[in-house]
Protein backbone atom coordinates (compact mmCIF):
# COMPACT_ATOMS: atom_id res chain seq x y z
CA MET A 1 -2.36 14.51 43.63
CA THR A 2 0.74 12.49 43.92
CA LEU A 3 2.99 11.29 41.79
CA ARG A 4 2.74 7.56 42.00
CA PRO A 5 -1.22 7.85 40.68
CA LEU A 6 -0.53 10.38 38.28
CA SER A 7 2.46 8.09 36.56
CA LEU A 8 0.12 5.76 36.47
CA LEU A 9 -2.80 7.58 34.93
CA LEU A 10 -0.29 8.67 32.64
CA ALA A 11 0.84 4.99 31.34
CA GLY A 12 -2.71 3.65 31.18
CA LEU A 13 -3.56 6.32 28.84
CA LEU A 14 -0.67 5.28 26.54
CA CYS A 15 -1.36 1.93 26.82
CA ALA A 16 -5.24 2.77 25.46
CA GLY A 17 -3.93 4.73 23.05
CA ALA A 18 -1.65 2.20 21.46
CA ALA A 19 -4.68 -0.33 21.97
CA HIS A 20 -6.23 1.67 19.57
CA ALA A 21 -4.15 2.22 17.02
CA THR A 22 -4.99 0.22 13.35
CA GLN A 23 -2.76 -1.52 10.71
CA ALA A 24 -2.08 1.90 8.84
CA ASP A 25 -0.39 3.54 11.87
CA HIS A 26 2.19 0.95 11.60
CA VAL A 27 2.89 0.90 8.30
CA HIS A 28 5.59 2.95 6.13
CA ALA A 29 5.42 3.04 2.58
CA SER A 30 8.42 3.86 0.30
CA GLU A 31 9.69 3.69 -2.85
CA ALA A 32 6.18 4.33 -4.48
CA TRP A 33 6.33 4.72 -8.05
CA ILE A 34 3.45 4.11 -11.30
CA ARG A 35 4.73 2.75 -14.83
CA VAL A 36 2.30 4.68 -17.29
CA MET A 37 1.27 2.60 -20.43
CA PRO A 38 0.37 4.40 -23.18
CA ALA A 39 -3.22 4.82 -24.86
CA ASN A 40 -4.85 4.92 -21.67
CA LEU A 41 -3.38 0.86 -21.67
CA PRO A 42 -3.96 -0.43 -17.06
CA ALA A 43 -0.56 1.43 -15.07
CA GLY A 44 1.55 -0.71 -12.70
CA GLY A 45 2.09 0.35 -9.33
CA TYR A 46 4.96 -0.63 -6.68
CA VAL A 47 5.55 0.26 -3.41
CA VAL A 48 7.32 -1.20 -0.63
CA LEU A 49 5.43 -1.63 2.98
CA ARG A 50 7.21 -2.03 6.06
CA ASN A 51 5.10 -2.57 9.21
CA GLY A 52 6.80 -1.41 12.25
CA GLY A 53 3.92 -2.68 14.49
CA ASP A 54 4.05 -6.15 16.52
CA GLN A 55 1.16 -7.48 14.74
CA PRO A 56 1.02 -8.43 10.68
CA ALA A 57 -0.92 -5.61 8.80
CA VAL A 58 -2.88 -7.03 5.85
CA LEU A 59 -3.80 -4.66 2.60
CA ASP A 60 -6.89 -5.94 1.65
CA GLY A 61 -7.08 -3.41 -1.46
CA ALA A 62 -6.40 0.55 -2.75
CA SER A 63 -8.46 3.17 -4.46
CA SER A 64 -7.49 6.41 -6.30
CA THR A 65 -9.61 9.33 -7.31
CA ALA A 66 -6.94 9.31 -11.01
CA TYR A 67 -8.42 5.47 -11.63
CA GLY A 68 -11.74 3.92 -11.74
CA SER A 69 -10.39 0.91 -10.63
CA VAL A 70 -7.42 -0.27 -8.53
CA MET A 71 -7.11 -3.85 -8.33
CA LEU A 72 -4.36 -6.09 -6.24
CA HIS A 73 -2.35 -8.58 -8.71
CA GLN A 74 0.25 -11.33 -8.74
CA SER A 75 2.48 -11.67 -11.60
CA SER A 76 4.60 -15.74 -11.92
CA THR A 77 5.70 -17.38 -14.32
CA ASP A 78 4.47 -21.21 -14.62
CA THR A 79 6.38 -23.58 -17.29
CA GLY A 80 7.80 -20.28 -19.55
CA MET A 81 4.16 -18.80 -19.63
CA GLY A 82 3.73 -15.47 -17.96
CA ARG A 83 0.19 -15.09 -15.60
CA MET A 84 -1.09 -12.43 -13.77
CA ARG A 85 -4.03 -13.23 -11.30
CA MET A 86 -6.09 -10.78 -9.03
CA VAL A 87 -5.28 -11.48 -5.47
CA ASP A 88 -7.92 -10.47 -2.50
CA SER A 89 -4.88 -9.26 0.50
CA LEU A 90 -1.34 -9.21 0.99
CA THR A 91 -0.32 -9.65 4.54
CA VAL A 92 2.57 -7.40 5.66
CA PRO A 93 4.39 -9.60 8.32
CA ALA A 94 5.19 -7.92 12.06
CA HIS A 95 8.60 -6.11 12.25
CA GLY A 96 8.70 -6.83 8.46
CA GLN A 97 8.09 -5.76 5.06
CA VAL A 98 6.53 -6.96 1.28
CA ALA A 99 7.67 -5.32 -1.73
CA LEU A 100 5.19 -4.53 -4.30
CA ALA A 101 7.71 -4.44 -8.23
CA PRO A 102 8.09 -5.47 -11.37
CA GLY A 103 7.84 -9.31 -12.12
CA GLY A 104 5.66 -9.64 -8.37
CA TYR A 105 2.74 -8.15 -6.46
CA HIS A 106 1.68 -5.01 -7.50
CA PHE A 107 -1.41 -2.52 -8.19
CA MET A 108 -3.51 -2.82 -11.58
CA LEU A 109 -4.41 0.91 -12.43
CA MET A 110 -7.58 1.16 -14.67
CA ASP A 111 -9.80 3.41 -16.21
CA ALA A 112 -7.11 6.84 -15.67
CA GLY A 113 -9.69 9.68 -15.38
CA LYS A 114 -7.60 11.87 -17.55
CA PRO A 115 -4.30 11.10 -19.22
CA VAL A 116 -1.42 10.10 -16.50
CA GLN A 117 1.95 11.81 -17.10
CA PRO A 118 5.72 11.00 -16.09
CA GLY A 119 6.33 13.46 -13.48
CA GLN A 120 3.67 13.52 -11.70
CA THR A 121 2.66 11.81 -8.43
CA VAL A 122 -0.94 10.45 -7.78
CA GLN A 123 -2.65 9.51 -4.71
CA LEU A 124 -3.35 6.36 -4.15
CA THR A 125 -5.31 5.20 -0.89
CA LEU A 126 -4.18 1.78 0.38
CA HIS A 127 -7.01 0.02 2.06
CA PHE A 128 -6.44 -3.00 5.35
CA ALA A 129 -8.63 -5.40 6.66
CA ASP A 130 -9.13 -3.48 9.85
CA GLY A 131 -10.89 -0.49 7.91
CA SER A 132 -7.64 2.15 8.35
CA THR A 133 -6.25 3.36 5.05
CA LEU A 134 -2.81 4.94 4.36
CA ALA A 135 -3.04 7.81 1.49
CA THR A 136 0.17 7.48 -0.48
CA GLY A 137 2.22 9.65 -3.77
CA PHE A 138 2.67 7.52 -6.34
CA LEU A 139 5.12 8.76 -8.54
CA ALA A 140 4.72 8.68 -12.79
CA LYS A 141 7.50 6.79 -14.41
CA PRO A 142 7.43 6.35 -18.08
CA ALA A 143 6.50 2.42 -19.72
CA ASN A 144 10.45 1.55 -19.81
CA ALA A 145 10.99 2.63 -16.60
CA LEU A 146 12.54 -0.52 -14.00
């Protein structure tokens, strides 16, 4: 095989691999933490998601073996009244980021299988619209953490 056909073959394989990359392959999670509440009250989960890909990534849920239910929520204030609503998805723009943070988008973690203590790391699996997933460790912090 000459050098040119070999180069073309390698380029084709690289392009084919890139065409099959999933949304989760392009997303990096950082600063992931959970605000642990007393008496098995629902916990809040927060994370910064950075998308290095050329296409948006759509986060459409999460799960954890440590919690019976993980939902995506958005907090807001309307006429001085705090509100929270469940949302179906959140788009992480191409070459951009989204922060799930107190007072905005967050995960609502309910029904802990056993008490989660500050200092523990809880695994959440983030789910994307294309079916891909991203396992992420969330550090548990006390209720008064910011």
